Amino acid sequence: MPSQPRHPGRRRVPLALAAAGALAVVLTACTSSDTGGGATASGPVAGTTPKASASATSAAPARPSASPTTTAPSARCRTADLRASIGPNDPGAGQENFAVVLTNDSGRTCTVYGFPGIAFVDGAGEAVTPDAERATGQEEPTVTLKPGASAWSALTFTNPAATGVTTVTPAAVLVTPPDETASIKVAWSGGKVSNTGKASVPQVSPLKQGDG
């Protein structure tokens, strides 16, 4: 008969220990997965919808800030925008003084700058005196005229009787706004005016705000 091994139980012990160790590893892995202590899967859980991260959400485009409102500069007044008048004489110190007034008769705002043209004429519209001269050396403001607003120029001359010059009584005055060629005819009631161009020559000032 074949001989039996002396210690038959010794070969079974290592196998049992190995099986027990493998079971412990499996249990440890399951426990770590359940408690969150170990590594977790990187992919989404089956049956769930992945949530978009906050950084992936696109922000609404910023609205451009409103540009500041700009106001277009007012255009100069044309003859058709204006009406003209001449105020009463305000004499003083041997001088005859009148206000030549330009009023904005249009529905828009416009500007005047500088000197009006002044020509004394007879009933037929013919000039009867030299044109009025400009009184230089004065400030020349740009005057903004809203509808209905006025600008005025001082029309002055020495009383012709004081200088002994020949005179004429004009029928009207042609008032030409600055930078215009068309005139506005205004009746003249200011009496005699020198027609020599040598003395008592009328002068006009730059236009300024108001009606004189």
Protein backbone atom coordinates (compact mmCIF):
# COMPACT_ATOMS: atom_id res chain seq x y z
CA MET A 1 0.00 0.00 0.00
CA PRO A 2 1.25 3.52 -0.76
CA SER A 3 2.40 5.53 2.13
CA GLN A 4 0.13 8.44 3.37
CA PRO A 5 1.53 11.93 3.98
CA ARG A 6 2.33 12.63 7.55
CA HIS A 7 0.62 16.03 7.74
CA PRO A 8 -2.36 16.06 5.37
CA GLY A 9 -3.89 19.26 6.95
CA ARG A 10 -0.94 21.57 6.20
CA ARG A 11 -1.71 21.93 2.42
CA ARG A 12 -5.27 23.06 3.13
CA VAL A 13 -4.25 25.96 5.39
CA PRO A 14 -2.57 28.13 2.74
CA LEU A 15 -5.52 27.70 0.38
CA ALA A 16 -7.95 28.75 3.08
CA LEU A 17 -5.86 31.79 3.96
CA ALA A 18 -5.67 32.85 0.32
CA ALA A 19 -9.43 32.59 -0.11
CA ALA A 20 -10.02 34.58 3.05
CA GLY A 21 -7.62 37.32 1.87
CA ALA A 22 -9.36 37.62 -1.50
CA LEU A 23 -12.73 37.94 0.19
CA ALA A 24 -11.38 40.67 2.47
CA VAL A 25 -10.13 42.65 -0.55
CA VAL A 26 -13.54 42.42 -2.24
CA LEU A 27 -15.33 43.51 0.92
CA THR A 28 -12.91 46.41 1.41
CA ALA A 29 -13.44 47.62 -2.17
CA CYS A 30 -17.20 47.47 -1.79
CA THR A 31 -17.07 49.31 1.52
CA SER A 32 -14.85 52.07 0.08
CA SER A 33 -17.16 52.53 -2.89
CA ASP A 34 -20.25 52.77 -0.66
CA THR A 35 -18.78 55.29 1.76
CA GLY A 36 -17.12 57.52 -0.82
CA GLY A 37 -13.72 57.01 0.74
CA GLY A 38 -12.16 55.50 -2.38
CA ALA A 39 -11.91 56.50 -6.02
CA THR A 40 -15.22 57.18 -7.80
CA ALA A 41 -16.14 56.65 -11.42
CA SER A 42 -15.63 59.64 -13.66
CA GLY A 43 -18.58 59.04 -15.95
CA PRO A 44 -22.25 59.92 -15.22
CA VAL A 45 -24.44 57.42 -13.44
CA ALA A 46 -26.63 55.50 -15.80
CA GLY A 47 -30.19 56.80 -16.04
CA THR A 48 -29.34 60.37 -14.92
CA THR A 49 -28.94 63.58 -16.92
CA PRO A 50 -25.60 65.37 -16.43
CA LYS A 51 -25.91 68.94 -15.12
CA ALA A 52 -24.22 71.76 -16.96
CA SER A 53 -21.51 73.45 -14.94
CA ALA A 54 -21.87 77.14 -14.03
CA SER A 55 -18.84 78.00 -16.16
CA ALA A 56 -20.44 76.49 -19.24
CA THR A 57 -23.51 78.73 -19.02
CA SER A 58 -23.14 81.54 -21.56
CA ALA A 59 -23.73 85.03 -20.15
CA ALA A 60 -26.19 87.34 -21.90
CA PRO A 61 -24.36 89.81 -24.18
CA ALA A 62 -23.84 93.19 -22.58
CA ARG A 63 -25.89 95.97 -24.11
CA PRO A 64 -23.85 98.84 -25.49
CA SER A 65 -24.19 101.99 -23.44
CA ALA A 66 -26.29 104.68 -25.03
CA SER A 67 -24.22 107.32 -26.74
CA PRO A 68 -24.67 110.85 -25.42
CA THR A 69 -27.18 112.92 -27.28
CA THR A 70 -25.55 115.48 -29.39
CA THR A 71 -27.18 118.60 -30.58
CA ALA A 72 -26.52 119.64 -34.12
CA PRO A 73 -25.32 123.22 -34.47
CA SER A 74 -27.97 125.71 -35.57
CA ALA A 75 -27.77 126.88 -39.17
CA ARG A 76 -27.50 130.58 -39.86
CA CYS A 77 -30.66 132.56 -40.43
CA ARG A 78 -31.60 133.17 -44.02
CA THR A 79 -33.49 136.21 -45.24
CA ALA A 80 -36.65 134.13 -45.63
CA ASP A 81 -36.46 133.19 -41.92
CA LEU A 82 -36.52 136.79 -40.70
CA ARG A 83 -38.63 139.90 -40.55
CA ALA A 84 -37.10 143.34 -40.07
CA SER A 85 -38.23 146.48 -38.29
CA ILE A 86 -36.74 149.82 -37.27
CA GLY A 87 -37.50 151.27 -33.87
CA PRO A 88 -38.28 154.93 -33.14
CA ASN A 89 -35.56 157.55 -32.93
CA ASP A 90 -33.88 157.91 -29.52
CA PRO A 91 -31.78 161.06 -30.04
CA GLY A 92 -29.05 162.23 -27.71
CA ALA A 93 -25.94 164.46 -27.79
CA GLY A 94 -26.60 165.49 -31.39
CA GLN A 95 -26.92 161.87 -32.51
CA GLU A 96 -29.89 160.13 -34.13
CA ASN A 97 -30.22 156.59 -32.79
CA PHE A 98 -32.39 153.79 -34.18
CA ALA A 99 -32.60 150.05 -33.49
CA VAL A 100 -32.62 147.83 -36.57
CA VAL A 101 -34.30 144.63 -35.41
CA LEU A 102 -34.24 141.18 -37.03
CA THR A 103 -36.79 138.71 -35.65
CA ASN A 104 -36.81 134.97 -36.33
CA ASP A 105 -40.14 134.45 -38.06
CA SER A 106 -39.51 130.79 -38.91
CA GLY A 107 -40.25 127.61 -37.00
CA ARG A 108 -36.59 126.69 -36.50
CA THR A 109 -33.69 127.98 -34.43
CA CYS A 110 -31.01 129.81 -36.38
CA THR A 111 -28.08 132.17 -35.80
CA VAL A 112 -26.96 135.59 -36.95
CA TYR A 113 -23.43 136.95 -36.74
CA GLY A 114 -21.95 140.28 -37.68
CA PHE A 115 -23.41 143.37 -39.34
CA PRO A 116 -26.64 143.84 -41.26
CA GLY A 117 -26.51 145.71 -44.54
CA ILE A 118 -28.39 149.06 -44.59
CA ALA A 119 -29.35 150.93 -47.76
CA PHE A 120 -31.62 153.99 -47.89
CA VAL A 121 -33.83 153.97 -50.98
CA ASP A 122 -36.58 155.99 -52.62
CA GLY A 123 -40.04 154.75 -53.56
CA ALA A 124 -38.65 153.06 -56.66
CA GLY A 125 -36.10 151.13 -54.64
CA GLU A 126 -33.13 153.20 -55.84
CA ALA A 127 -30.37 154.08 -53.37
CA VAL A 128 -30.41 157.75 -52.35
CA THR A 129 -27.44 157.74 -49.93
CA PRO A 130 -24.18 155.84 -49.58
CA ASP A 131 -24.59 152.60 -47.66
CA ALA A 132 -24.23 152.78 -43.89
CA GLU A 133 -20.73 152.14 -42.59
CA ARG A 134 -19.74 149.53 -40.02
CA ALA A 135 -18.88 150.63 -36.50
CA THR A 136 -15.78 148.51 -36.00
CA GLY A 137 -13.97 147.68 -32.80
CA GLN A 138 -17.03 146.18 -31.13
CA GLU A 139 -17.63 142.60 -30.06
CA GLU A 140 -19.33 140.48 -32.69
CA PRO A 141 -21.21 137.70 -30.92
CA THR A 142 -22.98 134.81 -32.58
CA VAL A 143 -26.62 135.32 -31.66
CA THR A 144 -28.88 132.27 -31.48
CA LEU A 145 -32.47 133.05 -32.33
CA LYS A 146 -35.21 130.67 -31.33
CA PRO A 147 -38.51 131.14 -33.15
CA GLY A 148 -39.85 134.57 -32.22
CA ALA A 149 -36.53 135.83 -30.75
CA SER A 150 -34.79 139.00 -31.99
CA ALA A 151 -31.36 140.52 -32.53
CA TRP A 152 -30.70 144.21 -33.05
CA SER A 153 -28.11 146.57 -34.47
CA ALA A 154 -27.67 150.24 -33.53
CA LEU A 155 -28.09 152.59 -36.50
CA THR A 156 -26.67 156.01 -35.63
CA PHE A 157 -25.66 159.23 -37.39
CA THR A 158 -25.03 162.84 -36.48
CA ASN A 159 -27.99 165.15 -36.96
CA PRO A 160 -27.46 166.47 -40.50
CA ALA A 161 -28.59 169.94 -39.48
CA ALA A 162 -25.55 170.15 -37.19
CA THR A 163 -23.10 169.53 -40.01
CA GLY A 164 -24.77 171.56 -42.74
CA VAL A 165 -24.69 168.79 -45.34
CA THR A 166 -27.30 168.28 -48.02
CA THR A 167 -29.93 165.73 -47.14
CA VAL A 168 -32.60 163.47 -48.53
CA THR A 169 -35.64 161.85 -46.97
CA PRO A 170 -35.62 158.16 -47.87
CA ALA A 171 -38.85 156.25 -48.44
CA ALA A 172 -37.54 152.96 -47.08
CA VAL A 173 -34.53 151.05 -45.84
CA LEU A 174 -33.32 147.78 -47.33
CA VAL A 175 -32.07 145.59 -44.47
CA THR A 176 -29.84 142.68 -45.54
CA PRO A 177 -29.12 139.99 -42.90
CA PRO A 178 -25.46 138.99 -42.46
CA ASP A 179 -24.06 136.74 -45.20
CA GLU A 180 -27.22 137.14 -47.28
CA THR A 181 -27.86 138.91 -50.58
CA ALA A 182 -31.66 139.20 -50.41
CA SER A 183 -32.99 142.21 -48.48
CA ILE A 184 -36.06 143.06 -46.43
CA LYS A 185 -37.73 146.37 -47.20
CA VAL A 186 -38.77 148.48 -44.19
CA ALA A 187 -40.57 151.83 -44.37
CA TRP A 188 -38.45 154.75 -43.13
CA SER A 189 -39.96 157.36 -40.82
CA GLY A 190 -36.76 158.73 -39.32
CA GLY A 191 -36.58 161.96 -41.28
CA LYS A 192 -33.72 163.42 -43.27
CA VAL A 193 -30.43 161.65 -43.87
CA SER A 194 -27.17 163.00 -45.27
CA ASN A 195 -26.67 162.09 -48.91
CA THR A 196 -23.08 163.27 -49.27
CA GLY A 197 -21.11 160.47 -47.67
CA LYS A 198 -18.83 163.11 -46.14
CA ALA A 199 -20.53 163.96 -42.84
CA SER A 200 -23.38 162.58 -40.76
CA VAL A 201 -22.75 159.19 -42.40
CA PRO A 202 -24.94 156.49 -40.81
CA GLN A 203 -23.16 153.63 -39.01
CA VAL A 204 -24.40 150.22 -37.87
CA SER A 205 -23.11 148.07 -34.99
CA PRO A 206 -22.79 144.27 -34.87
CA LEU A 207 -26.00 142.42 -34.09
CA LYS A 208 -26.61 141.47 -30.47
CA GLN A 209 -29.34 139.72 -28.53
CA GLY A 210 -32.63 141.53 -27.94
CA ASP A 211 -34.76 144.11 -29.66
CA GLY A 212 -32.89 147.27 -28.64
